[in-house]
N, C-alpha and C. Protein backbone atom coordinates (compact mmCIF):
# COMPACT_ATOMS: atom_id res chain seq x y z
N MET A 1 7.69 -27.28 -3.10
CA MET A 1 6.94 -26.49 -4.09
C MET A 1 7.80 -25.38 -4.67
N ARG A 2 7.62 -25.12 -5.95
CA ARG A 2 8.31 -24.00 -6.57
C ARG A 2 7.66 -22.68 -6.16
N LYS A 3 8.40 -21.61 -6.31
CA LYS A 3 7.89 -20.29 -5.93
C LYS A 3 6.58 -19.95 -6.64
N GLN A 4 6.52 -20.28 -7.94
CA GLN A 4 5.31 -20.01 -8.71
C GLN A 4 4.10 -20.73 -8.11
N GLU A 5 4.30 -21.97 -7.70
CA GLU A 5 3.21 -22.75 -7.11
C GLU A 5 2.79 -22.16 -5.76
N ILE A 6 3.77 -21.77 -4.97
CA ILE A 6 3.47 -21.15 -3.67
C ILE A 6 2.68 -19.87 -3.87
N ALA A 7 3.10 -19.05 -4.84
CA ALA A 7 2.41 -17.79 -5.10
C ALA A 7 0.95 -18.02 -5.49
N LEU A 8 0.71 -18.98 -6.36
CA LEU A 8 -0.66 -19.27 -6.80
C LEU A 8 -1.50 -19.82 -5.65
N CYS A 9 -0.90 -20.67 -4.83
CA CYS A 9 -1.62 -21.17 -3.66
C CYS A 9 -1.97 -20.04 -2.70
N ALA A 10 -1.04 -19.11 -2.52
CA ALA A 10 -1.26 -17.98 -1.63
C ALA A 10 -2.39 -17.09 -2.14
N VAL A 11 -2.40 -16.85 -3.45
CA VAL A 11 -3.47 -16.04 -4.05
C VAL A 11 -4.83 -16.66 -3.76
N GLU A 12 -4.95 -17.96 -3.95
CA GLU A 12 -6.24 -18.63 -3.77
C GLU A 12 -6.63 -18.72 -2.29
N ALA A 13 -5.67 -19.00 -1.43
CA ALA A 13 -5.96 -19.11 0.00
C ALA A 13 -6.44 -17.78 0.58
N LEU A 14 -5.75 -16.71 0.21
CA LEU A 14 -6.13 -15.39 0.73
C LEU A 14 -7.44 -14.90 0.12
N LYS A 15 -7.70 -15.30 -1.11
CA LYS A 15 -8.96 -14.92 -1.76
C LYS A 15 -10.15 -15.52 -1.00
N LYS A 16 -9.99 -16.75 -0.55
CA LYS A 16 -11.05 -17.40 0.23
C LYS A 16 -11.18 -16.78 1.62
N GLU A 17 -10.05 -16.45 2.20
CA GLU A 17 -10.04 -15.91 3.57
C GLU A 17 -10.54 -14.47 3.62
N TYR A 18 -10.19 -13.69 2.61
CA TYR A 18 -10.56 -12.27 2.57
C TYR A 18 -11.16 -11.94 1.21
N PRO A 19 -12.40 -12.32 0.98
CA PRO A 19 -13.00 -12.12 -0.34
C PRO A 19 -13.10 -10.65 -0.76
N ASP A 20 -13.26 -9.77 0.23
CA ASP A 20 -13.37 -8.34 -0.09
C ASP A 20 -11.99 -7.68 0.04
N ALA A 21 -11.29 -7.61 -1.06
CA ALA A 21 -9.95 -7.03 -1.05
C ALA A 21 -10.05 -5.55 -1.39
N ILE A 22 -10.15 -4.72 -0.37
CA ILE A 22 -10.28 -3.29 -0.62
C ILE A 22 -9.22 -2.52 0.17
N CYS A 23 -8.93 -1.36 -0.32
CA CYS A 23 -7.97 -0.48 0.36
C CYS A 23 -8.57 -0.01 1.68
N SER A 24 -7.76 0.06 2.72
CA SER A 24 -8.23 0.49 4.04
C SER A 24 -8.40 2.00 4.15
N LEU A 25 -7.83 2.72 3.21
CA LEU A 25 -7.94 4.18 3.23
C LEU A 25 -9.27 4.62 2.62
N THR A 26 -9.88 5.64 3.21
CA THR A 26 -11.16 6.16 2.72
C THR A 26 -10.90 7.32 1.75
N TYR A 27 -11.51 7.24 0.57
CA TYR A 27 -11.32 8.29 -0.43
C TYR A 27 -12.49 8.28 -1.41
N THR A 28 -12.65 9.38 -2.14
CA THR A 28 -13.72 9.46 -3.14
C THR A 28 -13.20 9.79 -4.53
N ASP A 29 -11.92 10.15 -4.64
CA ASP A 29 -11.36 10.45 -5.96
C ASP A 29 -9.86 10.18 -5.95
N PRO A 30 -9.21 10.17 -7.11
CA PRO A 30 -7.77 9.85 -7.18
C PRO A 30 -6.90 10.74 -6.32
N LEU A 31 -7.18 12.05 -6.30
CA LEU A 31 -6.37 12.96 -5.50
C LEU A 31 -6.44 12.61 -4.02
N GLN A 32 -7.62 12.29 -3.54
CA GLN A 32 -7.76 11.96 -2.13
C GLN A 32 -6.98 10.70 -1.78
N LEU A 33 -7.00 9.70 -2.64
CA LEU A 33 -6.22 8.48 -2.35
C LEU A 33 -4.73 8.79 -2.39
N LEU A 34 -4.30 9.60 -3.32
CA LEU A 34 -2.89 9.97 -3.42
C LEU A 34 -2.43 10.65 -2.13
N ILE A 35 -3.21 11.59 -1.64
CA ILE A 35 -2.84 12.32 -0.43
C ILE A 35 -2.95 11.43 0.81
N ALA A 36 -4.00 10.63 0.88
CA ALA A 36 -4.16 9.73 2.03
C ALA A 36 -3.01 8.73 2.12
N THR A 37 -2.56 8.26 0.97
CA THR A 37 -1.45 7.30 0.96
C THR A 37 -0.17 7.97 1.43
N ARG A 38 0.04 9.22 1.05
CA ARG A 38 1.22 9.96 1.54
C ARG A 38 1.14 10.11 3.05
N LEU A 39 -0.04 10.38 3.57
CA LEU A 39 -0.21 10.56 5.01
C LEU A 39 0.00 9.25 5.77
N SER A 40 -0.21 8.12 5.11
CA SER A 40 -0.15 6.82 5.80
C SER A 40 1.26 6.34 6.10
N ALA A 41 2.27 7.03 5.58
CA ALA A 41 3.64 6.64 5.88
C ALA A 41 3.91 6.76 7.37
N GLN A 42 4.34 5.66 7.99
CA GLN A 42 4.61 5.60 9.43
C GLN A 42 3.40 6.06 10.24
N CYS A 43 2.23 5.71 9.76
CA CYS A 43 0.99 6.07 10.44
C CYS A 43 -0.06 5.03 10.07
N THR A 44 -0.99 4.75 10.95
CA THR A 44 -2.01 3.76 10.65
C THR A 44 -3.06 4.33 9.70
N ASP A 45 -3.65 3.44 8.91
CA ASP A 45 -4.73 3.86 8.02
C ASP A 45 -5.91 4.40 8.82
N ALA A 46 -6.16 3.81 9.98
CA ALA A 46 -7.27 4.26 10.82
C ALA A 46 -7.08 5.71 11.24
N ARG A 47 -5.86 6.07 11.59
CA ARG A 47 -5.58 7.45 11.98
C ARG A 47 -5.75 8.39 10.79
N VAL A 48 -5.25 7.98 9.63
CA VAL A 48 -5.40 8.80 8.42
C VAL A 48 -6.87 9.05 8.12
N ASN A 49 -7.68 8.02 8.24
CA ASN A 49 -9.11 8.16 7.97
C ASN A 49 -9.82 9.08 8.95
N MET A 50 -9.24 9.27 10.12
CA MET A 50 -9.80 10.22 11.08
C MET A 50 -9.46 11.66 10.70
N VAL A 51 -8.33 11.83 10.03
CA VAL A 51 -7.83 13.16 9.71
C VAL A 51 -8.37 13.69 8.38
N THR A 52 -8.52 12.82 7.40
CA THR A 52 -8.80 13.29 6.04
C THR A 52 -10.17 13.96 5.81
N PRO A 53 -11.24 13.59 6.51
CA PRO A 53 -12.50 14.29 6.22
C PRO A 53 -12.41 15.80 6.36
N ALA A 54 -11.84 16.28 7.45
CA ALA A 54 -11.70 17.73 7.65
C ALA A 54 -10.71 18.33 6.65
N LEU A 55 -9.64 17.58 6.37
CA LEU A 55 -8.63 18.06 5.42
C LEU A 55 -9.24 18.25 4.03
N PHE A 56 -10.00 17.26 3.57
CA PHE A 56 -10.56 17.33 2.22
C PHE A 56 -11.75 18.28 2.14
N GLU A 57 -12.38 18.54 3.26
CA GLU A 57 -13.44 19.55 3.26
C GLU A 57 -12.85 20.95 3.12
N ARG A 58 -11.70 21.16 3.77
CA ARG A 58 -11.04 22.47 3.68
C ARG A 58 -10.35 22.65 2.34
N PHE A 59 -9.78 21.58 1.79
CA PHE A 59 -9.05 21.64 0.52
C PHE A 59 -9.65 20.61 -0.45
N PRO A 60 -10.75 20.92 -1.11
CA PRO A 60 -11.42 19.92 -1.94
C PRO A 60 -10.79 19.67 -3.31
N THR A 61 -9.92 20.55 -3.78
CA THR A 61 -9.38 20.41 -5.14
C THR A 61 -7.86 20.55 -5.16
N VAL A 62 -7.29 20.17 -6.30
CA VAL A 62 -5.85 20.37 -6.52
C VAL A 62 -5.49 21.83 -6.35
N ASP A 63 -6.28 22.73 -6.90
CA ASP A 63 -6.00 24.17 -6.80
C ASP A 63 -6.00 24.64 -5.35
N ASP A 64 -6.92 24.11 -4.56
CA ASP A 64 -6.99 24.52 -3.15
C ASP A 64 -5.73 24.10 -2.40
N PHE A 65 -5.26 22.88 -2.63
CA PHE A 65 -4.03 22.42 -1.99
C PHE A 65 -2.82 23.20 -2.51
N ALA A 66 -2.78 23.44 -3.81
CA ALA A 66 -1.63 24.14 -4.41
C ALA A 66 -1.51 25.56 -3.89
N ALA A 67 -2.63 26.17 -3.53
CA ALA A 67 -2.62 27.55 -3.03
C ALA A 67 -2.42 27.62 -1.52
N ALA A 68 -2.40 26.50 -0.86
CA ALA A 68 -2.33 26.47 0.61
C ALA A 68 -0.91 26.69 1.10
N SER A 69 -0.80 27.12 2.34
CA SER A 69 0.51 27.21 2.98
C SER A 69 0.83 25.88 3.64
N TYR A 70 2.12 25.58 3.77
CA TYR A 70 2.52 24.35 4.43
C TYR A 70 1.94 24.29 5.85
N ASP A 71 1.99 25.43 6.53
CA ASP A 71 1.57 25.47 7.93
C ASP A 71 0.08 25.15 8.09
N GLU A 72 -0.74 25.67 7.17
CA GLU A 72 -2.17 25.42 7.30
C GLU A 72 -2.49 23.94 7.08
N VAL A 73 -1.89 23.35 6.07
CA VAL A 73 -2.10 21.92 5.83
C VAL A 73 -1.60 21.13 7.03
N ALA A 74 -0.46 21.53 7.57
CA ALA A 74 0.13 20.81 8.71
C ALA A 74 -0.82 20.78 9.91
N GLU A 75 -1.58 21.84 10.11
CA GLU A 75 -2.51 21.89 11.24
C GLU A 75 -3.54 20.77 11.18
N TYR A 76 -3.91 20.37 9.99
CA TYR A 76 -4.93 19.34 9.81
C TYR A 76 -4.37 17.92 9.96
N ILE A 77 -3.07 17.78 9.81
CA ILE A 77 -2.49 16.43 9.74
C ILE A 77 -1.48 16.15 10.85
N LYS A 78 -1.46 16.98 11.88
CA LYS A 78 -0.46 16.84 12.94
C LYS A 78 -0.43 15.45 13.56
N SER A 79 -1.59 14.84 13.74
CA SER A 79 -1.64 13.55 14.44
C SER A 79 -1.13 12.39 13.59
N CYS A 80 -0.83 12.67 12.32
CA CYS A 80 -0.32 11.60 11.43
C CYS A 80 1.18 11.41 11.53
N GLY A 81 1.87 12.31 12.23
CA GLY A 81 3.32 12.19 12.33
C GLY A 81 4.02 12.74 11.10
N LEU A 82 5.25 13.18 11.29
CA LEU A 82 6.05 13.76 10.19
C LEU A 82 5.24 14.82 9.43
N PHE A 83 4.43 15.57 10.16
CA PHE A 83 3.45 16.43 9.51
C PHE A 83 4.08 17.59 8.73
N LYS A 84 5.24 18.05 9.14
CA LYS A 84 5.88 19.15 8.40
C LYS A 84 6.33 18.69 7.02
N THR A 85 6.97 17.52 6.97
CA THR A 85 7.41 16.96 5.69
C THR A 85 6.22 16.61 4.81
N LYS A 86 5.22 15.99 5.41
CA LYS A 86 4.04 15.57 4.64
C LYS A 86 3.27 16.77 4.10
N SER A 87 3.13 17.81 4.90
CA SER A 87 2.38 18.98 4.43
C SER A 87 3.09 19.65 3.25
N LYS A 88 4.41 19.73 3.32
CA LYS A 88 5.18 20.30 2.21
C LYS A 88 5.02 19.44 0.96
N ASP A 89 5.14 18.11 1.12
CA ASP A 89 5.00 17.22 -0.02
C ASP A 89 3.62 17.35 -0.67
N ILE A 90 2.58 17.43 0.14
CA ILE A 90 1.22 17.52 -0.40
C ILE A 90 1.02 18.79 -1.20
N VAL A 91 1.47 19.91 -0.66
CA VAL A 91 1.32 21.18 -1.38
C VAL A 91 2.13 21.17 -2.68
N GLU A 92 3.38 20.72 -2.59
CA GLU A 92 4.23 20.70 -3.79
C GLU A 92 3.75 19.67 -4.81
N MET A 93 3.23 18.56 -4.32
CA MET A 93 2.65 17.54 -5.19
C MET A 93 1.51 18.14 -6.02
N CYS A 94 0.66 18.90 -5.37
CA CYS A 94 -0.49 19.48 -6.07
C CYS A 94 -0.06 20.60 -7.02
N LYS A 95 0.97 21.31 -6.67
CA LYS A 95 1.51 22.32 -7.60
C LYS A 95 2.02 21.65 -8.87
N LYS A 96 2.69 20.53 -8.69
CA LYS A 96 3.23 19.81 -9.86
C LYS A 96 2.12 19.18 -10.67
N LEU A 97 1.10 18.64 -9.99
CA LEU A 97 -0.06 18.09 -10.71
C LEU A 97 -0.69 19.16 -11.59
N ARG A 98 -0.80 20.36 -11.06
CA ARG A 98 -1.43 21.46 -11.81
C ARG A 98 -0.53 21.92 -12.95
N ALA A 99 0.77 22.00 -12.68
CA ALA A 99 1.70 22.54 -13.68
C ALA A 99 2.01 21.55 -14.80
N ASP A 100 2.15 20.26 -14.44
CA ASP A 100 2.64 19.27 -15.41
C ASP A 100 1.57 18.30 -15.93
N PHE A 101 0.47 18.16 -15.19
CA PHE A 101 -0.51 17.13 -15.56
C PHE A 101 -1.93 17.67 -15.66
N GLY A 102 -2.05 18.96 -15.83
CA GLY A 102 -3.38 19.55 -16.01
C GLY A 102 -4.28 19.37 -14.81
N GLY A 103 -3.70 19.20 -13.64
CA GLY A 103 -4.49 19.04 -12.43
C GLY A 103 -5.02 17.64 -12.21
N GLU A 104 -4.65 16.70 -13.09
CA GLU A 104 -5.13 15.33 -12.99
C GLU A 104 -4.04 14.41 -12.45
N VAL A 105 -4.45 13.39 -11.71
CA VAL A 105 -3.50 12.39 -11.22
C VAL A 105 -3.11 11.48 -12.39
N PRO A 106 -1.82 11.36 -12.71
CA PRO A 106 -1.40 10.54 -13.85
C PRO A 106 -1.58 9.05 -13.57
N ASP A 107 -1.50 8.24 -14.64
CA ASP A 107 -1.81 6.81 -14.51
C ASP A 107 -0.64 5.88 -14.77
N THR A 108 0.58 6.39 -14.65
CA THR A 108 1.75 5.53 -14.82
C THR A 108 2.69 5.66 -13.63
N ILE A 109 3.44 4.58 -13.36
CA ILE A 109 4.42 4.60 -12.28
C ILE A 109 5.45 5.70 -12.53
N GLU A 110 5.88 5.79 -13.78
CA GLU A 110 6.92 6.75 -14.13
C GLU A 110 6.49 8.18 -13.84
N ALA A 111 5.26 8.53 -14.22
CA ALA A 111 4.78 9.89 -14.00
C ALA A 111 4.49 10.15 -12.53
N LEU A 112 3.89 9.20 -11.87
CA LEU A 112 3.53 9.37 -10.46
C LEU A 112 4.76 9.57 -9.58
N THR A 113 5.83 8.85 -9.88
CA THR A 113 7.02 8.95 -9.04
C THR A 113 7.82 10.23 -9.28
N THR A 114 7.37 11.08 -10.20
CA THR A 114 7.98 12.41 -10.33
C THR A 114 7.38 13.39 -9.33
N LEU A 115 6.29 12.99 -8.68
CA LEU A 115 5.61 13.87 -7.73
C LEU A 115 6.32 13.85 -6.38
N PRO A 116 6.44 15.00 -5.72
CA PRO A 116 7.08 15.03 -4.40
C PRO A 116 6.40 14.08 -3.41
N GLY A 117 7.21 13.30 -2.72
CA GLY A 117 6.69 12.41 -1.69
C GLY A 117 6.08 11.12 -2.19
N VAL A 118 6.10 10.88 -3.51
CA VAL A 118 5.47 9.69 -4.07
C VAL A 118 6.54 8.69 -4.50
N GLY A 119 6.55 7.54 -3.85
CA GLY A 119 7.46 6.46 -4.23
C GLY A 119 6.72 5.37 -4.97
N ARG A 120 7.37 4.26 -5.20
CA ARG A 120 6.78 3.19 -6.01
C ARG A 120 5.59 2.54 -5.30
N LYS A 121 5.63 2.47 -3.96
CA LYS A 121 4.51 1.87 -3.24
C LYS A 121 3.23 2.66 -3.50
N THR A 122 3.30 3.97 -3.32
CA THR A 122 2.13 4.82 -3.56
C THR A 122 1.72 4.77 -5.02
N ALA A 123 2.70 4.85 -5.92
CA ALA A 123 2.41 4.84 -7.35
C ALA A 123 1.70 3.55 -7.77
N ASN A 124 2.14 2.43 -7.24
CA ASN A 124 1.49 1.15 -7.55
C ASN A 124 0.07 1.11 -7.02
N LEU A 125 -0.14 1.65 -5.83
CA LEU A 125 -1.48 1.67 -5.26
C LEU A 125 -2.43 2.48 -6.14
N ILE A 126 -1.98 3.63 -6.60
CA ILE A 126 -2.81 4.48 -7.46
C ILE A 126 -3.09 3.76 -8.79
N CYS A 127 -2.07 3.20 -9.39
CA CYS A 127 -2.26 2.51 -10.68
C CYS A 127 -3.22 1.34 -10.55
N GLY A 128 -3.12 0.62 -9.43
CA GLY A 128 -3.98 -0.54 -9.24
C GLY A 128 -5.40 -0.18 -8.86
N ASP A 129 -5.56 0.64 -7.82
CA ASP A 129 -6.89 0.93 -7.28
C ASP A 129 -7.67 1.93 -8.13
N ILE A 130 -6.99 2.91 -8.69
CA ILE A 130 -7.69 3.94 -9.45
C ILE A 130 -7.81 3.57 -10.92
N PHE A 131 -6.75 3.06 -11.49
CA PHE A 131 -6.73 2.84 -12.94
C PHE A 131 -6.85 1.38 -13.35
N GLY A 132 -6.96 0.49 -12.37
CA GLY A 132 -7.19 -0.92 -12.67
C GLY A 132 -6.05 -1.62 -13.38
N LYS A 133 -4.83 -1.12 -13.20
CA LYS A 133 -3.68 -1.72 -13.84
C LYS A 133 -3.04 -2.76 -12.91
N PRO A 134 -2.35 -3.75 -13.46
CA PRO A 134 -1.62 -4.69 -12.61
C PRO A 134 -0.61 -3.93 -11.75
N ALA A 135 -0.62 -4.22 -10.46
CA ALA A 135 0.25 -3.46 -9.56
C ALA A 135 0.65 -4.34 -8.38
N VAL A 136 1.85 -4.09 -7.86
CA VAL A 136 2.32 -4.78 -6.66
C VAL A 136 2.72 -3.72 -5.64
N VAL A 137 1.92 -3.61 -4.60
CA VAL A 137 2.16 -2.61 -3.56
C VAL A 137 3.02 -3.24 -2.47
N VAL A 138 4.28 -2.86 -2.43
CA VAL A 138 5.23 -3.47 -1.50
C VAL A 138 5.31 -2.64 -0.22
N ASP A 139 4.47 -3.00 0.75
CA ASP A 139 4.52 -2.36 2.06
C ASP A 139 5.13 -3.32 3.07
N THR A 140 5.09 -2.97 4.34
CA THR A 140 5.75 -3.82 5.34
C THR A 140 5.11 -5.20 5.44
N HIS A 141 3.78 -5.25 5.30
CA HIS A 141 3.10 -6.55 5.35
C HIS A 141 3.50 -7.43 4.17
N CYS A 142 3.54 -6.82 3.01
CA CYS A 142 3.93 -7.56 1.80
C CYS A 142 5.35 -8.09 1.92
N ILE A 143 6.26 -7.25 2.37
CA ILE A 143 7.66 -7.67 2.50
C ILE A 143 7.77 -8.85 3.47
N ARG A 144 7.14 -8.72 4.62
CA ARG A 144 7.26 -9.74 5.66
C ARG A 144 6.63 -11.06 5.24
N ILE A 145 5.40 -11.01 4.77
CA ILE A 145 4.67 -12.25 4.50
C ILE A 145 5.21 -12.97 3.27
N THR A 146 5.51 -12.24 2.22
CA THR A 146 6.03 -12.91 1.02
C THR A 146 7.41 -13.50 1.27
N SER A 147 8.17 -12.89 2.16
CA SER A 147 9.47 -13.46 2.55
C SER A 147 9.26 -14.76 3.33
N LYS A 148 8.31 -14.75 4.27
CA LYS A 148 8.01 -15.95 5.06
C LYS A 148 7.51 -17.09 4.16
N LEU A 149 6.71 -16.72 3.16
CA LEU A 149 6.21 -17.72 2.22
C LEU A 149 7.33 -18.39 1.44
N GLY A 150 8.45 -17.65 1.29
CA GLY A 150 9.58 -18.17 0.53
C GLY A 150 9.59 -17.69 -0.91
N LEU A 151 8.91 -16.57 -1.17
CA LEU A 151 8.83 -16.07 -2.54
C LEU A 151 10.04 -15.24 -2.95
N HIS A 152 10.82 -14.81 -1.98
CA HIS A 152 12.02 -14.02 -2.28
C HIS A 152 12.91 -13.96 -1.03
N LYS A 153 14.13 -13.48 -1.23
CA LYS A 153 15.05 -13.26 -0.12
C LYS A 153 15.57 -11.82 -0.16
N GLN A 154 14.75 -10.94 -0.70
CA GLN A 154 15.15 -9.55 -0.89
C GLN A 154 14.73 -8.68 0.29
N THR A 155 15.37 -7.52 0.40
CA THR A 155 14.94 -6.50 1.36
C THR A 155 14.62 -5.19 0.66
N ASP A 156 15.11 -5.03 -0.57
CA ASP A 156 14.87 -3.81 -1.34
C ASP A 156 13.46 -3.85 -1.96
N GLN A 157 12.68 -2.80 -1.76
CA GLN A 157 11.29 -2.79 -2.21
C GLN A 157 11.15 -2.97 -3.72
N LYS A 158 11.97 -2.31 -4.48
CA LYS A 158 11.85 -2.41 -5.93
C LYS A 158 12.19 -3.82 -6.41
N LYS A 159 13.20 -4.44 -5.79
CA LYS A 159 13.57 -5.80 -6.18
C LYS A 159 12.46 -6.78 -5.81
N ILE A 160 11.83 -6.56 -4.66
CA ILE A 160 10.70 -7.42 -4.26
C ILE A 160 9.55 -7.25 -5.24
N GLU A 161 9.25 -6.03 -5.61
CA GLU A 161 8.20 -5.75 -6.60
C GLU A 161 8.48 -6.51 -7.90
N THR A 162 9.72 -6.44 -8.36
CA THR A 162 10.10 -7.11 -9.61
C THR A 162 9.93 -8.63 -9.50
N GLU A 163 10.36 -9.19 -8.37
CA GLU A 163 10.26 -10.65 -8.18
C GLU A 163 8.80 -11.09 -8.13
N LEU A 164 7.98 -10.34 -7.41
CA LEU A 164 6.58 -10.73 -7.26
C LEU A 164 5.81 -10.60 -8.57
N LYS A 165 6.18 -9.62 -9.37
CA LYS A 165 5.52 -9.46 -10.67
C LYS A 165 5.74 -10.68 -11.57
N LYS A 166 6.87 -11.33 -11.38
CA LYS A 166 7.15 -12.54 -12.16
C LYS A 166 6.32 -13.74 -11.70
N LEU A 167 5.89 -13.70 -10.43
CA LEU A 167 5.22 -14.86 -9.83
C LEU A 167 3.70 -14.74 -9.79
N LEU A 168 3.18 -13.52 -9.70
CA LEU A 168 1.75 -13.33 -9.50
C LEU A 168 1.02 -13.12 -10.82
N PRO A 169 -0.17 -13.69 -10.98
CA PRO A 169 -0.99 -13.37 -12.15
C PRO A 169 -1.29 -11.87 -12.14
N PRO A 170 -1.07 -11.15 -13.22
CA PRO A 170 -1.25 -9.69 -13.23
C PRO A 170 -2.62 -9.25 -12.74
N GLU A 171 -3.65 -10.01 -13.10
CA GLU A 171 -5.01 -9.61 -12.73
C GLU A 171 -5.30 -9.83 -11.24
N GLU A 172 -4.40 -10.54 -10.54
CA GLU A 172 -4.61 -10.83 -9.12
C GLU A 172 -3.71 -10.00 -8.21
N SER A 173 -2.67 -9.40 -8.78
CA SER A 173 -1.59 -8.85 -7.94
C SER A 173 -2.05 -7.73 -7.01
N ASN A 174 -2.90 -6.83 -7.50
CA ASN A 174 -3.31 -5.71 -6.67
C ASN A 174 -4.16 -6.17 -5.48
N ASP A 175 -5.16 -7.01 -5.75
CA ASP A 175 -6.00 -7.52 -4.67
C ASP A 175 -5.18 -8.39 -3.70
N PHE A 176 -4.22 -9.14 -4.23
CA PHE A 176 -3.36 -9.96 -3.39
C PHE A 176 -2.65 -9.11 -2.36
N CYS A 177 -2.15 -7.95 -2.77
CA CYS A 177 -1.43 -7.07 -1.84
C CYS A 177 -2.36 -6.50 -0.77
N HIS A 178 -3.60 -6.16 -1.15
CA HIS A 178 -4.57 -5.71 -0.15
C HIS A 178 -4.86 -6.81 0.87
N ARG A 179 -4.95 -8.03 0.38
CA ARG A 179 -5.24 -9.16 1.28
C ARG A 179 -4.05 -9.44 2.21
N LEU A 180 -2.85 -9.20 1.73
CA LEU A 180 -1.67 -9.36 2.60
C LEU A 180 -1.74 -8.40 3.78
N VAL A 181 -2.22 -7.19 3.55
CA VAL A 181 -2.36 -6.22 4.64
C VAL A 181 -3.35 -6.75 5.68
N LEU A 182 -4.50 -7.23 5.22
CA LEU A 182 -5.51 -7.76 6.14
C LEU A 182 -4.96 -8.96 6.91
N HIS A 183 -4.25 -9.83 6.22
CA HIS A 183 -3.68 -11.02 6.85
C HIS A 183 -2.56 -10.66 7.83
N GLY A 184 -1.79 -9.64 7.46
CA GLY A 184 -0.70 -9.20 8.31
C GLY A 184 -1.20 -8.57 9.61
N ARG A 185 -2.36 -7.97 9.56
CA ARG A 185 -2.94 -7.39 10.78
C ARG A 185 -3.62 -8.44 11.65
N ALA A 186 -4.24 -9.43 11.00
CA ALA A 186 -5.07 -10.38 11.74
C ALA A 186 -4.32 -11.63 12.19
N VAL A 187 -3.40 -12.14 11.36
CA VAL A 187 -2.79 -13.44 11.63
C VAL A 187 -1.26 -13.40 11.61
N CYS A 188 -0.70 -13.01 10.47
CA CYS A 188 0.76 -13.04 10.34
C CYS A 188 1.35 -11.70 10.80
N THR A 189 1.19 -11.44 12.09
CA THR A 189 1.66 -10.18 12.65
C THR A 189 3.18 -10.20 12.79
N ALA A 190 3.76 -9.01 12.88
CA ALA A 190 5.22 -8.93 12.95
C ALA A 190 5.76 -9.53 14.24
N ARG A 191 5.06 -9.31 15.36
CA ARG A 191 5.59 -9.73 16.66
C ARG A 191 5.26 -11.18 17.00
N SER A 192 4.05 -11.61 16.67
CA SER A 192 3.65 -12.97 17.07
C SER A 192 2.75 -13.60 16.02
N PRO A 193 3.34 -14.05 14.92
CA PRO A 193 2.54 -14.69 13.86
C PRO A 193 1.84 -15.95 14.37
N LYS A 194 0.58 -16.08 13.99
CA LYS A 194 -0.23 -17.22 14.45
C LYS A 194 -0.22 -18.29 13.36
N CYS A 195 0.88 -18.98 13.23
CA CYS A 195 1.05 -19.95 12.14
C CYS A 195 0.01 -21.05 12.17
N ARG A 196 -0.39 -21.48 13.35
CA ARG A 196 -1.36 -22.57 13.44
C ARG A 196 -2.72 -22.15 12.91
N ASP A 197 -3.02 -20.86 12.96
CA ASP A 197 -4.31 -20.35 12.49
C ASP A 197 -4.26 -19.87 11.04
N CYS A 198 -3.12 -19.97 10.43
CA CYS A 198 -2.92 -19.37 9.11
C CYS A 198 -3.48 -20.26 7.99
N CYS A 199 -4.16 -19.62 7.05
CA CYS A 199 -4.73 -20.34 5.91
C CYS A 199 -3.67 -20.79 4.91
N MET A 200 -2.41 -20.39 5.14
CA MET A 200 -1.33 -20.74 4.22
C MET A 200 -0.28 -21.65 4.87
N ASN A 201 -0.59 -22.18 6.05
CA ASN A 201 0.45 -22.92 6.79
C ASN A 201 0.83 -24.26 6.17
N SER A 202 0.07 -24.73 5.19
CA SER A 202 0.42 -26.02 4.56
C SER A 202 1.48 -25.86 3.47
N PHE A 203 1.68 -24.62 3.00
CA PHE A 203 2.69 -24.41 1.95
C PHE A 203 3.65 -23.26 2.24
N CYS A 204 3.38 -22.46 3.26
CA CYS A 204 4.31 -21.39 3.65
C CYS A 204 5.58 -22.02 4.21
N ARG A 205 6.71 -21.67 3.66
CA ARG A 205 7.95 -22.33 4.07
C ARG A 205 8.27 -22.07 5.54
N THR A 206 7.99 -20.86 6.01
CA THR A 206 8.23 -20.56 7.42
C THR A 206 7.20 -21.26 8.30
N GLY A 207 5.94 -21.23 7.87
CA GLY A 207 4.87 -21.84 8.65
C GLY A 207 5.06 -23.33 8.82
N VAL A 208 5.44 -24.02 7.76
CA VAL A 208 5.67 -25.47 7.82
C VAL A 208 6.75 -25.78 8.84
N LYS A 209 7.83 -25.00 8.83
CA LYS A 209 8.94 -25.22 9.78
C LYS A 209 8.48 -24.96 11.20
N GLU A 210 7.69 -23.88 11.40
CA GLU A 210 7.25 -23.53 12.74
C GLU A 210 6.35 -24.62 13.34
N LEU A 211 5.45 -25.12 12.52
CA LEU A 211 4.52 -26.14 13.02
C LEU A 211 5.24 -27.46 13.30
N ARG A 212 6.24 -27.78 12.49
CA ARG A 212 7.05 -28.98 12.78
C ARG A 212 7.76 -28.84 14.12
N HIS A 213 8.28 -27.63 14.34
CA HIS A 213 9.01 -27.37 15.58
C HIS A 213 8.09 -27.49 16.79
N GLU A 214 6.85 -26.99 16.64
CA GLU A 214 5.88 -27.06 17.76
C GLU A 214 5.52 -28.52 18.06
N ASP A 215 5.39 -29.31 17.00
CA ASP A 215 5.01 -30.71 17.19
C ASP A 215 6.17 -31.52 17.77
């Protein structure tokens, strides 16, 4: 099968397996998702969701975060890891939002990636989930599973994003990435992928080889 065919098969298989393609992070507005995504770096979404209610109650607006000290924000996010770096990024991010974007979260990759602590993964998530734009969120699950499928041989996140954008229907790409996260946690885990239980094992290049080897 060609890469395009594998990609389309993967979209349909995951859609059936995980019909509800939603972000695992809990949020009520664009700023909250932006901050929660920054906190999720090297931290589980479950842990972030435990931390953010108190954080957002204490700092409900861009102005509140922009006026905060790094240390105070850090107290709320200590259990997320890298809390000193993250607290600084969050405060500076909100200062820049207020100074350059009228306190609003921008809706383009280019603008979002000018914010402290915001890379293309976060920017794509915001563009896709908040603004409904075609987006490819390249996280560890996406990198691992799309490589196993045979959709690319890249390791660089931006190059993977570019390759996947060529293969995925734009209207499906954002939900596809959310489903990859769910599949990566449940079946195609990093340590012990369950190829025999996988809904994509009939066309996944790695899965087909693994099942042949088992037989």
